[in-house]
Amino acid sequence: MEKTYDTLVSYVKAIQHLNQSSAAALLILQDNRIVFEQYDGFHSNHDTKVVDVNSMFNVASARKSYLGLAIAYVLFEGKIRHLDDLVSDYFDECDADTFRGTTIRHVVTHSHGLNRDEAGVVFREFEAGKGWAYRGVNVEIVTDLFKRLYGYDFTHLLRERVFRPMGLSRTEWATDAAPSLVKVVDDPDEEASYKLYPFDDGMGSNLHSTAREFAAWGNLHLNNGRHHGVQIVPEEVIRIATSIQSPAYPNSTFPTNGLFWYVQGEPKAWSELGEAVPAGSYQILGNTGPLLLVIPAYRAVVVRMYNKRYNYGGDRYLDYLREFSDLAAETVRSTNDPMP
């Protein structure tokens, strides 16, 4: 059975080497059990601590899937009326011209068209719903929206309603250096850092998790909110977060998203998901390499972890992401096929 995963393991190792990541992990969970797990490397480029099951990686932008679940709760619990509510309905201080026509749907699907200049002023790049661009201003908006509606950070909701009931003890927003934390390599010739963002950025950054608990997070979604048979999260909350929520685009190459997740409908040229990935699958990625791919058609969750800032491939990084997702999907499909 181990040979089934050889090609995928070799691919992960090759990108680890090319991108000069000091650490890597690959974990595959299928039918609620770990079927493959491998760790490689060290906690940093200047460290001899070996990566293992207790190593906690900074998942970087993959934390958006956690924020996405929190926003799904906002809708489920009636704190907002609809994803098509205008952002300006909840932010009186918004500049009316800049935010005109921008809905919550737009900000959670990267179709909002907003950006910040060097002075921190929000400006419009394109009309809301007419384009797609990955910008950080939307995370600021929805993080602030949640706090305004609930009176506390979204991280508190996740700890109390999800992490604690699931028994997740190695998924946390770490603010102090600890032996379990894998450092983030920026320049391989310089000492790595355990933090990727300033801790006071107010957006739930520096979320760390082990490969096993990252996979458990994906499996919670795969099982429609159930963990070990117990309904931890309402099924409708999961559906909201992982269904395609993108507006109808004029450009057919734009990817489709749920609440931040990339969700596979028809394969798209700008998507992180390759053509071999079945419809209904969804994926989230961090710019240090952590990747979580959920494939409901094969009852599978695939986790890949690195610790090198910026994904390998430069302008072609999407090609490598699609290659990985295709290879991962084909690997778990082969184990899902009935024996002859």
C-alpha atoms as a PDB file:
ATOM      1  CA  MET A   1       0.000   0.000   0.000  1.00  0.00           C
ATOM      2  CA  GLU A   2       2.872   2.414   0.758  1.00  0.00           C
ATOM      3  CA  LYS A   3       3.905   2.322  -2.929  1.00  0.00           C
ATOM      4  CA  THR A   4       0.532   3.833  -3.784  1.00  0.00           C
ATOM      5  CA  TYR A   5       1.768   7.118  -2.318  1.00  0.00           C
ATOM      6  CA  ASP A   6       5.335   7.070  -3.712  1.00  0.00           C
ATOM      7  CA  THR A   7       4.690   9.471  -6.598  1.00  0.00           C
ATOM      8  CA  LEU A   8       2.917  11.995  -4.385  1.00  0.00           C
ATOM      9  CA  VAL A   9       5.667  11.745  -1.740  1.00  0.00           C
ATOM     10  CA  SER A  10       8.337  12.313  -4.381  1.00  0.00           C
ATOM     11  CA  TYR A  11       6.500  15.372  -5.673  1.00  0.00           C
ATOM     12  CA  VAL A  12       6.217  16.878  -2.185  1.00  0.00           C
ATOM     13  CA  LYS A  13       9.919  16.253  -1.557  1.00  0.00           C
ATOM     14  CA  ALA A  14      10.899  17.772  -4.907  1.00  0.00           C
ATOM     15  CA  ILE A  15       9.025  21.025  -4.233  1.00  0.00           C
ATOM     16  CA  GLN A  16      10.406  21.117  -0.690  1.00  0.00           C
ATOM     17  CA  HIS A  17      13.919  21.025  -2.142  1.00  0.00           C
ATOM     18  CA  LEU A  18      13.229  23.514  -4.945  1.00  0.00           C
ATOM     19  CA  ASN A  19      11.587  25.995  -2.586  1.00  0.00           C
ATOM     20  CA  GLN A  20      14.217  25.516   0.144  1.00  0.00           C
ATOM     21  CA  SER A  21      11.665  24.648   2.795  1.00  0.00           C
ATOM     22  CA  SER A  22      13.360  23.154   5.859  1.00  0.00           C
ATOM     23  CA  ALA A  23      10.232  21.212   6.872  1.00  0.00           C
ATOM     24  CA  ALA A  24       7.557  19.156   5.164  1.00  0.00           C
ATOM     25  CA  ALA A  25       4.671  16.903   6.062  1.00  0.00           C
ATOM     26  CA  LEU A  26       2.176  14.886   4.059  1.00  0.00           C
ATOM     27  CA  LEU A  27      -0.915  13.317   5.571  1.00  0.00           C
ATOM     28  CA  ILE A  28      -3.842  11.583   3.905  1.00  0.00           C
ATOM     29  CA  LEU A  29      -7.025  10.804   5.773  1.00  0.00           C
ATOM     30  CA  GLN A  30      -9.662   8.645   4.134  1.00  0.00           C
ATOM     31  CA  ASP A  31     -12.916   7.294   5.553  1.00  0.00           C
ATOM     32  CA  ASN A  32     -12.116   8.968   8.886  1.00  0.00           C
ATOM     33  CA  ARG A  33      -8.746   7.319   9.378  1.00  0.00           C
ATOM     34  CA  ILE A  34      -5.166   8.231   8.585  1.00  0.00           C
ATOM     35  CA  VAL A  35      -4.001   6.064   5.678  1.00  0.00           C
ATOM     36  CA  PHE A  36      -0.663   7.784   5.095  1.00  0.00           C
ATOM     37  CA  GLU A  37       1.522  10.104   7.149  1.00  0.00           C
ATOM     38  CA  GLN A  38       5.114  11.268   6.644  1.00  0.00           C
ATOM     39  CA  TYR A  39       7.312  14.016   8.099  1.00  0.00           C
ATOM     40  CA  ASP A  40      10.595  15.337   6.826  1.00  0.00           C
ATOM     41  CA  GLY A  41      13.202  17.949   7.743  1.00  0.00           C
ATOM     42  CA  PHE A  42      13.755  20.353  10.599  1.00  0.00           C
ATOM     43  CA  HIS A  43      11.861  23.120  12.405  1.00  0.00           C
ATOM     44  CA  SER A  44      13.957  25.787  10.697  1.00  0.00           C
ATOM     45  CA  ASN A  45      16.915  26.276   8.396  1.00  0.00           C
ATOM     46  CA  HIS A  46      19.153  26.819  11.461  1.00  0.00           C
ATOM     47  CA  ASP A  47      17.647  24.198  13.770  1.00  0.00           C
ATOM     48  CA  THR A  48      18.258  20.512  14.436  1.00  0.00           C
ATOM     49  CA  LYS A  49      14.797  19.839  15.873  1.00  0.00           C
ATOM     50  CA  VAL A  50      13.232  17.184  13.671  1.00  0.00           C
ATOM     51  CA  VAL A  51       9.682  17.579  12.343  1.00  0.00           C
ATOM     52  CA  ASP A  52       7.216  15.068  13.809  1.00  0.00           C
ATOM     53  CA  VAL A  53       3.526  14.606  14.618  1.00  0.00           C
ATOM     54  CA  ASN A  54       3.684  17.321  17.294  1.00  0.00           C
ATOM     55  CA  SER A  55       5.209  19.972  15.023  1.00  0.00           C
ATOM     56  CA  MET A  56       2.896  22.973  14.632  1.00  0.00           C
ATOM     57  CA  PHE A  57       3.147  24.798  11.304  1.00  0.00           C
ATOM     58  CA  ASN A  58       2.074  28.399  10.713  1.00  0.00           C
ATOM     59  CA  VAL A  59      -0.803  27.850   8.275  1.00  0.00           C
ATOM     60  CA  ALA A  60      -0.624  31.494   7.085  1.00  0.00           C
ATOM     61  CA  SER A  61      -3.505  32.405   4.762  1.00  0.00           C
ATOM     62  CA  ALA A  62      -5.091  28.979   5.165  1.00  0.00           C
ATOM     63  CA  ARG A  63      -6.502  30.520   8.344  1.00  0.00           C
ATOM     64  CA  LYS A  64      -9.124  32.059   6.027  1.00  0.00           C
ATOM     65  CA  SER A  65     -10.974  28.735   6.122  1.00  0.00           C
ATOM     66  CA  TYR A  66     -11.370  29.224   9.890  1.00  0.00           C
ATOM     67  CA  LEU A  67     -12.567  32.784   9.382  1.00  0.00           C
ATOM     68  CA  GLY A  68     -14.906  31.495   6.679  1.00  0.00           C
ATOM     69  CA  LEU A  69     -16.560  29.119   9.131  1.00  0.00           C
ATOM     70  CA  ALA A  70     -17.044  31.978  11.593  1.00  0.00           C
ATOM     71  CA  ILE A  71     -18.733  34.068   8.890  1.00  0.00           C
ATOM     72  CA  ALA A  72     -20.959  31.095   8.024  1.00  0.00           C
ATOM     73  CA  TYR A  73     -22.080  31.182  11.661  1.00  0.00           C
ATOM     74  CA  VAL A  74     -22.853  34.897  11.256  1.00  0.00           C
ATOM     75  CA  LEU A  75     -25.278  34.104   8.446  1.00  0.00           C
ATOM     76  CA  PHE A  76     -26.676  30.955  10.079  1.00  0.00           C
ATOM     77  CA  GLU A  77     -27.439  32.787  13.314  1.00  0.00           C
ATOM     78  CA  GLY A  78     -29.119  35.693  11.555  1.00  0.00           C
ATOM     79  CA  LYS A  79     -26.565  38.349  12.483  1.00  0.00           C
ATOM     80  CA  ILE A  80     -26.667  39.325   8.810  1.00  0.00           C
ATOM     81  CA  ARG A  81     -29.672  38.882   6.538  1.00  0.00           C
ATOM     82  CA  HIS A  82     -27.942  37.564   3.437  1.00  0.00           C
ATOM     83  CA  LEU A  83     -24.541  37.293   1.799  1.00  0.00           C
ATOM     84  CA  ASP A  84     -25.805  39.912  -0.620  1.00  0.00           C
ATOM     85  CA  ASP A  85     -26.129  42.512   2.131  1.00  0.00           C
ATOM     86  CA  LEU A  86     -24.064  45.579   1.336  1.00  0.00           C
ATOM     87  CA  VAL A  87     -20.880  46.024   3.361  1.00  0.00           C
ATOM     88  CA  SER A  88     -21.918  49.645   3.861  1.00  0.00           C
ATOM     89  CA  ASP A  89     -25.010  48.418   5.765  1.00  0.00           C
ATOM     90  CA  TYR A  90     -22.686  47.434   8.600  1.00  0.00           C
ATOM     91  CA  PHE A  91     -19.943  50.061   8.273  1.00  0.00           C
ATOM     92  CA  ASP A  92     -21.276  53.600   8.432  1.00  0.00           C
ATOM     93  CA  GLU A  93     -17.772  54.980   8.026  1.00  0.00           C
ATOM     94  CA  CYS A  94     -17.267  53.394   4.585  1.00  0.00           C
ATOM     95  CA  ASP A  95     -16.667  55.809   1.755  1.00  0.00           C
ATOM     96  CA  ALA A  96     -19.902  55.541  -0.212  1.00  0.00           C
ATOM     97  CA  ASP A  97     -18.298  55.836  -3.641  1.00  0.00           C
ATOM     98  CA  THR A  98     -15.490  53.372  -2.965  1.00  0.00           C
ATOM     99  CA  PHE A  99     -17.741  50.691  -1.415  1.00  0.00           C
ATOM    100  CA  ARG A 100     -20.743  51.220  -3.691  1.00  0.00           C
ATOM    101  CA  GLY A 101     -22.311  47.862  -4.640  1.00  0.00           C
ATOM    102  CA  THR A 102     -19.868  45.801  -2.566  1.00  0.00           C
ATOM    103  CA  THR A 103     -21.575  42.945  -0.720  1.00  0.00           C
ATOM    104  CA  ILE A 104     -20.449  40.451   1.877  1.00  0.00           C
ATOM    105  CA  ARG A 105     -20.581  37.830  -0.895  1.00  0.00           C
ATOM    106  CA  HIS A 106     -18.009  39.842  -2.804  1.00  0.00           C
ATOM    107  CA  VAL A 107     -15.590  40.138   0.108  1.00  0.00           C
ATOM    108  CA  VAL A 108     -15.649  36.413   0.992  1.00  0.00           C
ATOM    109  CA  THR A 109     -15.156  35.300  -2.637  1.00  0.00           C
ATOM    110  CA  HIS A 110     -12.317  37.700  -3.607  1.00  0.00           C
ATOM    111  CA  SER A 111     -14.606  39.489  -6.074  1.00  0.00           C
ATOM    112  CA  HIS A 112     -14.854  42.766  -4.134  1.00  0.00           C
ATOM    113  CA  GLY A 113     -12.398  44.772  -6.244  1.00  0.00           C
ATOM    114  CA  LEU A 114     -10.951  46.678  -3.277  1.00  0.00           C
ATOM    115  CA  ASN A 115      -7.329  47.271  -2.316  1.00  0.00           C
ATOM    116  CA  ARG A 116      -5.240  49.506  -0.038  1.00  0.00           C
ATOM    117  CA  ASP A 117      -2.584  51.939  -1.188  1.00  0.00           C
ATOM    118  CA  GLU A 118       0.715  52.514   0.623  1.00  0.00           C
ATOM    119  CA  ALA A 119      -0.947  55.112   2.834  1.00  0.00           C
ATOM    120  CA  GLY A 120      -3.575  52.570   3.929  1.00  0.00           C
ATOM    121  CA  VAL A 121      -6.418  54.172   1.990  1.00  0.00           C
ATOM    122  CA  VAL A 122      -8.923  51.765   0.435  1.00  0.00           C
ATOM    123  CA  PHE A 123      -9.433  52.255  -3.284  1.00  0.00           C
ATOM    124  CA  ARG A 124     -11.285  50.407  -6.035  1.00  0.00           C
ATOM    125  CA  GLU A 125      -9.463  48.305  -8.620  1.00  0.00           C
ATOM    126  CA  PHE A 126     -12.533  47.003 -10.454  1.00  0.00           C
ATOM    127  CA  GLU A 127     -16.307  46.966 -10.128  1.00  0.00           C
ATOM    128  CA  ALA A 128     -17.545  44.594  -7.422  1.00  0.00           C
ATOM    129  CA  GLY A 129     -18.534  41.211  -8.820  1.00  0.00           C
ATOM    130  CA  LYS A 130     -16.942  41.827 -12.220  1.00  0.00           C
ATOM    131  CA  GLY A 131     -13.444  40.564 -11.469  1.00  0.00           C
ATOM    132  CA  TRP A 132     -11.377  38.434  -9.108  1.00  0.00           C
ATOM    133  CA  ALA A 133      -8.234  39.394  -7.177  1.00  0.00           C
ATOM    134  CA  TYR A 134      -6.569  38.073  -4.038  1.00  0.00           C
ATOM    135  CA  ARG A 135      -6.188  41.048  -1.688  1.00  0.00           C
ATOM    136  CA  GLY A 136      -5.942  41.272   2.094  1.00  0.00           C
ATOM    137  CA  VAL A 137      -8.427  44.083   2.630  1.00  0.00           C
ATOM    138  CA  ASN A 138     -11.366  41.652   2.561  1.00  0.00           C
ATOM    139  CA  VAL A 139      -9.980  39.759   5.561  1.00  0.00           C
ATOM    140  CA  GLU A 140      -9.817  43.028   7.480  1.00  0.00           C
ATOM    141  CA  ILE A 141     -13.437  43.774   6.578  1.00  0.00           C
ATOM    142  CA  VAL A 142     -14.952  40.441   7.605  1.00  0.00           C
ATOM    143  CA  THR A 143     -12.803  40.138  10.740  1.00  0.00           C
ATOM    144  CA  ASP A 144     -14.037  43.551  11.848  1.00  0.00           C
ATOM    145  CA  LEU A 145     -17.601  42.687  10.811  1.00  0.00           C
ATOM    146  CA  PHE A 146     -17.623  39.592  13.031  1.00  0.00           C
ATOM    147  CA  LYS A 147     -16.324  41.542  16.029  1.00  0.00           C
ATOM    148  CA  ARG A 148     -18.927  44.272  15.557  1.00  0.00           C
ATOM    149  CA  LEU A 149     -21.736  41.727  15.426  1.00  0.00           C
ATOM    150  CA  TYR A 150     -20.635  39.452  18.266  1.00  0.00           C
ATOM    151  CA  GLY A 151     -18.604  41.773  20.472  1.00  0.00           C
ATOM    152  CA  TYR A 152     -15.567  39.502  20.476  1.00  0.00           C
ATOM    153  CA  ASP A 153     -13.001  38.100  18.006  1.00  0.00           C
ATOM    154  CA  PHE A 154     -13.920  35.204  15.722  1.00  0.00           C
ATOM    155  CA  THR A 155     -11.069  33.240  17.297  1.00  0.00           C
ATOM    156  CA  HIS A 156     -13.066  33.060  20.537  1.00  0.00           C
ATOM    157  CA  LEU A 157     -16.055  31.484  18.781  1.00  0.00           C
ATOM    158  CA  LEU A 158     -13.846  28.844  17.168  1.00  0.00           C
ATOM    159  CA  ARG A 159     -12.073  27.957  20.403  1.00  0.00           C
ATOM    160  CA  GLU A 160     -15.319  27.610  22.358  1.00  0.00           C
ATOM    161  CA  ARG A 161     -17.617  26.043  19.766  1.00  0.00           C
ATOM    162  CA  VAL A 162     -15.217  24.023  17.632  1.00  0.00           C
ATOM    163  CA  PHE A 163     -11.679  23.489  18.928  1.00  0.00           C
ATOM    164  CA  ARG A 164     -12.639  22.618  22.504  1.00  0.00           C
ATOM    165  CA  PRO A 165     -15.460  20.171  21.601  1.00  0.00           C
ATOM    166  CA  MET A 166     -13.158  18.509  19.064  1.00  0.00           C
ATOM    167  CA  GLY A 167     -10.334  18.243  21.572  1.00  0.00           C
ATOM    168  CA  LEU A 168      -7.914  20.207  19.414  1.00  0.00           C
ATOM    169  CA  SER A 169      -4.981  21.023  21.691  1.00  0.00           C
ATOM    170  CA  ARG A 170      -2.373  21.788  19.025  1.00  0.00           C
ATOM    171  CA  THR A 171      -4.297  24.317  16.953  1.00  0.00           C
ATOM    172  CA  GLU A 172      -3.772  27.796  18.344  1.00  0.00           C
ATOM    173  CA  TRP A 173      -2.969  31.408  17.618  1.00  0.00           C
ATOM    174  CA  ALA A 174       0.476  31.304  19.183  1.00  0.00           C
ATOM    175  CA  THR A 175       1.975  34.517  20.510  1.00  0.00           C
ATOM    176  CA  ASP A 176       5.069  33.142  22.229  1.00  0.00           C
ATOM    177  CA  ALA A 177       7.933  31.075  20.877  1.00  0.00           C
ATOM    178  CA  ALA A 178       7.623  27.393  21.780  1.00  0.00           C
ATOM    179  CA  PRO A 179       9.573  24.230  20.902  1.00  0.00           C
ATOM    180  CA  SER A 180       6.563  22.798  19.057  1.00  0.00           C
ATOM    181  CA  LEU A 181       6.343  25.708  16.593  1.00  0.00           C
ATOM    182  CA  VAL A 182       7.897  25.286  13.164  1.00  0.00           C
ATOM    183  CA  LYS A 183       9.590  28.523  12.158  1.00  0.00           C
ATOM    184  CA  VAL A 184       8.868  30.311   8.886  1.00  0.00           C
ATOM    185  CA  VAL A 185      11.797  30.568   6.476  1.00  0.00           C
ATOM    186  CA  ASP A 186      11.870  33.806   4.511  1.00  0.00           C
ATOM    187  CA  ASP A 187      15.466  34.011   3.299  1.00  0.00           C
ATOM    188  CA  PRO A 188      17.175  30.585   3.560  1.00  0.00           C
ATOM    189  CA  ASP A 189      20.460  32.342   4.367  1.00  0.00           C
ATOM    190  CA  GLU A 190      18.938  34.083   7.385  1.00  0.00           C
ATOM    191  CA  GLU A 191      17.475  32.790  10.645  1.00  0.00           C
ATOM    192  CA  ALA A 192      13.810  31.806  10.371  1.00  0.00           C
ATOM    193  CA  SER A 193      11.084  33.249  12.604  1.00  0.00           C
ATOM    194  CA  TYR A 194       8.205  31.495  14.348  1.00  0.00           C
ATOM    195  CA  LYS A 195       5.893  34.366  13.471  1.00  0.00           C
ATOM    196  CA  LEU A 196       4.805  35.405  10.007  1.00  0.00           C
ATOM    197  CA  TYR A 197       2.748  38.465  10.897  1.00  0.00           C
ATOM    198  CA  PRO A 198       2.812  41.014  13.745  1.00  0.00           C
ATOM    199  CA  PHE A 199       0.789  39.590  16.597  1.00  0.00           C
ATOM    200  CA  ASP A 200      -1.192  42.778  17.022  1.00  0.00           C
ATOM    201  CA  ASP A 201      -2.598  42.843  13.484  1.00  0.00           C
ATOM    202  CA  GLY A 202      -6.049  42.009  14.863  1.00  0.00           C
ATOM    203  CA  MET A 203      -6.908  39.523  12.111  1.00  0.00           C
ATOM    204  CA  GLY A 204      -6.295  36.182  13.795  1.00  0.00           C
ATOM    205  CA  SER A 205      -2.909  35.717  12.169  1.00  0.00           C
ATOM    206  CA  ASN A 206      -0.186  33.260  13.157  1.00  0.00           C
ATOM    207  CA  LEU A 207      -2.514  30.311  13.472  1.00  0.00           C
ATOM    208  CA  HIS A 208      -0.457  27.177  14.043  1.00  0.00           C
ATOM    209  CA  SER A 209      -1.564  23.576  13.682  1.00  0.00           C
ATOM    210  CA  THR A 210      -0.136  20.103  13.364  1.00  0.00           C
ATOM    211  CA  ALA A 211      -0.728  18.104  10.193  1.00  0.00           C
ATOM    212  CA  ARG A 212      -3.081  15.819  12.124  1.00  0.00           C
ATOM    213  CA  GLU A 213      -5.234  18.628  13.520  1.00  0.00           C
ATOM    214  CA  PHE A 214      -5.228  20.455  10.182  1.00  0.00           C
ATOM    215  CA  ALA A 215      -6.567  17.223   8.666  1.00  0.00           C
ATOM    216  CA  ALA A 216      -9.139  16.950  11.469  1.00  0.00           C
ATOM    217  CA  TRP A 217     -10.311  20.468  10.558  1.00  0.00           C
ATOM    218  CA  GLY A 218     -10.792  19.346   6.976  1.00  0.00           C
ATOM    219  CA  ASN A 219     -12.497  16.140   8.077  1.00  0.00           C
ATOM    220  CA  LEU A 220     -14.959  18.131  10.187  1.00  0.00           C
ATOM    221  CA  HIS A 221     -16.064  19.816   6.968  1.00  0.00           C
ATOM    222  CA  LEU A 222     -16.064  16.560   5.030  1.00  0.00           C
ATOM    223  CA  ASN A 223     -18.393  15.056   7.645  1.00  0.00           C
ATOM    224  CA  ASN A 224     -20.764  18.037   7.518  1.00  0.00           C
ATOM    225  CA  GLY A 225     -19.843  19.258  10.978  1.00  0.00           C
ATOM    226  CA  ARG A 226     -19.616  15.893  12.739  1.00  0.00           C
ATOM    227  CA  HIS A 227     -16.562  14.740  14.700  1.00  0.00           C
ATOM    228  CA  HIS A 228     -16.437  11.134  15.896  1.00  0.00           C
ATOM    229  CA  GLY A 229     -20.166  10.960  15.245  1.00  0.00           C
ATOM    230  CA  VAL A 230     -21.010  14.048  17.287  1.00  0.00           C
ATOM    231  CA  GLN A 231     -22.515  17.107  15.546  1.00  0.00           C
ATOM    232  CA  ILE A 232     -20.047  19.830  16.555  1.00  0.00           C
ATOM    233  CA  VAL A 233     -20.981  22.398  13.900  1.00  0.00           C
ATOM    234  CA  PRO A 234     -24.455  22.722  12.341  1.00  0.00           C
ATOM    235  CA  GLU A 235     -24.546  21.062   8.924  1.00  0.00           C
ATOM    236  CA  GLU A 236     -25.912  24.238   7.332  1.00  0.00           C
ATOM    237  CA  VAL A 237     -22.891  26.214   8.566  1.00  0.00           C
ATOM    238  CA  ILE A 238     -20.586  23.793   6.752  1.00  0.00           C
ATOM    239  CA  ARG A 239     -22.743  23.937   3.617  1.00  0.00           C
ATOM    240  CA  ILE A 240     -22.592  27.739   3.553  1.00  0.00           C
ATOM    241  CA  ALA A 241     -18.815  27.742   3.952  1.00  0.00           C
ATOM    242  CA  THR A 242     -17.998  25.083   1.345  1.00  0.00           C
ATOM    243  CA  SER A 243     -20.614  25.652  -1.375  1.00  0.00           C
ATOM    244  CA  ILE A 244     -19.830  27.866  -4.355  1.00  0.00           C
ATOM    245  CA  GLN A 245     -20.830  31.389  -3.351  1.00  0.00           C
ATOM    246  CA  SER A 246     -19.145  33.371  -6.120  1.00  0.00           C
ATOM    247  CA  PRO A 247     -21.163  35.731  -8.315  1.00  0.00           C
ATOM    248  CA  ALA A 248     -21.581  34.951 -11.997  1.00  0.00           C
ATOM    249  CA  TYR A 249     -18.406  36.272 -13.612  1.00  0.00           C
ATOM    250  CA  PRO A 250     -18.092  37.693 -17.115  1.00  0.00           C
ATOM    251  CA  ASN A 251     -14.734  35.879 -17.393  1.00  0.00           C
ATOM    252  CA  SER A 252     -14.957  32.060 -17.385  1.00  0.00           C
ATOM    253  CA  THR A 253     -11.346  31.658 -16.204  1.00  0.00           C
ATOM    254  CA  PHE A 254     -12.000  33.117 -12.734  1.00  0.00           C
ATOM    255  CA  PRO A 255     -12.008  30.591  -9.865  1.00  0.00           C
ATOM    256  CA  THR A 256     -15.075  29.842  -7.791  1.00  0.00           C
ATOM    257  CA  ASN A 257     -15.041  30.186  -4.025  1.00  0.00           C
ATOM    258  CA  GLY A 258     -17.088  29.289  -1.013  1.00  0.00           C
ATOM    259  CA  LEU A 259     -16.365  31.396   2.053  1.00  0.00           C
ATOM    260  CA  PHE A 260     -12.702  31.827   1.073  1.00  0.00           C
ATOM    261  CA  TRP A 261     -12.276  28.125   0.135  1.00  0.00           C
ATOM    262  CA  TYR A 262     -11.542  27.426  -3.537  1.00  0.00           C
ATOM    263  CA  VAL A 263     -14.423  25.173  -4.559  1.00  0.00           C
ATOM    264  CA  GLN A 264     -14.414  22.974  -7.646  1.00  0.00           C
ATOM    265  CA  GLY A 265     -17.330  23.379 -10.005  1.00  0.00           C
ATOM    266  CA  GLU A 266     -16.216  23.474 -13.620  1.00  0.00           C
ATOM    267  CA  PRO A 267     -12.373  23.555 -13.643  1.00  0.00           C
ATOM    268  CA  LYS A 268     -11.076  27.128 -13.991  1.00  0.00           C
ATOM    269  CA  ALA A 269      -7.748  28.371 -15.325  1.00  0.00           C
ATOM    270  CA  TRP A 270      -7.199  30.696 -12.347  1.00  0.00           C
ATOM    271  CA  SER A 271      -8.122  28.080  -9.763  1.00  0.00           C
ATOM    272  CA  GLU A 272      -5.725  26.249  -7.453  1.00  0.00           C
ATOM    273  CA  LEU A 273      -7.618  23.028  -8.250  1.00  0.00           C
ATOM    274  CA  GLY A 274      -6.648  20.910 -11.242  1.00  0.00           C
ATOM    275  CA  GLU A 275      -8.970  19.282 -13.742  1.00  0.00           C
ATOM    276  CA  ALA A 276      -8.629  15.827 -12.150  1.00  0.00           C
ATOM    277  CA  VAL A 277     -10.091  17.079  -8.875  1.00  0.00           C
ATOM    278  CA  PRO A 278     -13.771  16.030  -8.634  1.00  0.00           C
ATOM    279  CA  ALA A 279     -16.551  18.606  -8.498  1.00  0.00           C
ATOM    280  CA  GLY A 280     -17.522  19.528  -4.963  1.00  0.00           C
ATOM    281  CA  SER A 281     -13.937  19.378  -3.681  1.00  0.00           C
ATOM    282  CA  TYR A 282     -12.477  22.389  -1.906  1.00  0.00           C
ATOM    283  CA  GLN A 283      -9.043  23.619  -0.947  1.00  0.00           C
ATOM    284  CA  ILE A 284      -7.305  26.310   1.097  1.00  0.00           C
ATOM    285  CA  LEU A 285      -3.655  27.374   0.904  1.00  0.00           C
ATOM    286  CA  GLY A 286      -1.196  29.423   2.910  1.00  0.00           C
ATOM    287  CA  ASN A 287       1.698  31.326   1.367  1.00  0.00           C
ATOM    288  CA  THR A 288       4.178  29.325   3.448  1.00  0.00           C
ATOM    289  CA  GLY A 289       2.974  26.115   1.800  1.00  0.00           C
ATOM    290  CA  PRO A 290       0.374  24.555   4.138  1.00  0.00           C
ATOM    291  CA  LEU A 291      -2.434  23.191   1.976  1.00  0.00           C
ATOM    292  CA  LEU A 292      -5.675  21.444   2.881  1.00  0.00           C
ATOM    293  CA  LEU A 293      -7.620  19.624   0.162  1.00  0.00           C
ATOM    294  CA  VAL A 294     -11.000  18.024   0.901  1.00  0.00           C
ATOM    295  CA  ILE A 295     -12.390  15.572  -1.680  1.00  0.00           C
ATOM    296  CA  PRO A 296     -15.919  14.462  -0.696  1.00  0.00           C
ATOM    297  CA  ALA A 297     -16.234  12.193  -3.752  1.00  0.00           C
ATOM    298  CA  TYR A 298     -13.400  10.040  -2.378  1.00  0.00           C
ATOM    299  CA  ARG A 299     -14.105  10.640   1.334  1.00  0.00           C
ATOM    300  CA  ALA A 300     -10.581  12.008   1.588  1.00  0.00           C
ATOM    301  CA  VAL A 301      -8.604  14.839   3.156  1.00  0.00           C
ATOM    302  CA  VAL A 302      -5.079  15.640   2.000  1.00  0.00           C
ATOM    303  CA  VAL A 303      -2.691  17.819   4.019  1.00  0.00           C
ATOM    304  CA  ARG A 304       0.623  19.151   2.783  1.00  0.00           C
ATOM    305  CA  MET A 305       2.824  21.267   5.030  1.00  0.00           C
ATOM    306  CA  TYR A 306       5.883  23.433   4.263  1.00  0.00           C
ATOM    307  CA  ASN A 307       7.478  26.348   6.109  1.00  0.00           C
ATOM    308  CA  LYS A 308       8.977  28.488   3.325  1.00  0.00           C
ATOM    309  CA  ARG A 309       7.371  31.864   2.688  1.00  0.00           C
ATOM    310  CA  TYR A 310       5.942  32.188  -0.828  1.00  0.00           C
ATOM    311  CA  ASN A 311       4.840  29.144  -2.751  1.00  0.00           C
ATOM    312  CA  TYR A 312       7.208  27.706  -5.310  1.00  0.00           C
ATOM    313  CA  GLY A 313       6.813  28.589  -8.979  1.00  0.00           C
ATOM    314  CA  GLY A 314       6.871  32.378  -9.227  1.00  0.00           C
ATOM    315  CA  ASP A 315       4.368  33.485 -11.841  1.00  0.00           C
ATOM    316  CA  ARG A 316       3.613  29.808 -12.517  1.00  0.00           C
ATOM    317  CA  TYR A 317       2.801  28.875  -8.925  1.00  0.00           C
ATOM    318  CA  LEU A 318      -0.786  27.993  -9.873  1.00  0.00           C
ATOM    319  CA  ASP A 319       0.525  25.348 -12.273  1.00  0.00           C
ATOM    320  CA  TYR A 320       2.318  23.613  -9.419  1.00  0.00           C
ATOM    321  CA  LEU A 321      -0.696  23.854  -7.147  1.00  0.00           C
ATOM    322  CA  ARG A 322      -2.905  22.286  -9.813  1.00  0.00           C
ATOM    323  CA  GLU A 323      -0.307  19.571 -10.401  1.00  0.00           C
ATOM    324  CA  PHE A 324      -0.315  18.747  -6.711  1.00  0.00           C
ATOM    325  CA  SER A 325      -4.104  18.687  -6.407  1.00  0.00           C
ATOM    326  CA  ASP A 326      -4.429  16.522  -9.533  1.00  0.00           C
ATOM    327  CA  LEU A 327      -1.804  14.090  -8.255  1.00  0.00           C
ATOM    328  CA  ALA A 328      -3.395  14.007  -4.797  1.00  0.00           C
ATOM    329  CA  ALA A 329      -6.841  13.381  -6.285  1.00  0.00           C
ATOM    330  CA  GLU A 330      -5.572  10.591  -8.546  1.00  0.00           C
ATOM    331  CA  THR A 331      -3.731   9.016  -5.610  1.00  0.00           C
ATOM    332  CA  VAL A 332      -6.758   8.863  -3.318  1.00  0.00           C
ATOM    333  CA  ARG A 333      -9.024   7.864  -6.218  1.00  0.00           C
ATOM    334  CA  SER A 334      -6.849   4.806  -6.832  1.00  0.00           C
ATOM    335  CA  THR A 335      -7.263   3.722  -3.207  1.00  0.00           C
ATOM    336  CA  ASN A 336     -10.997   4.374  -3.451  1.00  0.00           C
ATOM    337  CA  ASP A 337     -11.523   2.131  -6.487  1.00  0.00           C
ATOM    338  CA  PRO A 338     -12.978  -1.310  -5.723  1.00  0.00           C
ATOM    339  CA  MET A 339     -10.588  -4.243  -5.933  1.00  0.00           C
ATOM    340  CA  PRO A 340     -10.803  -6.174  -9.236  1.00  0.00           C
END
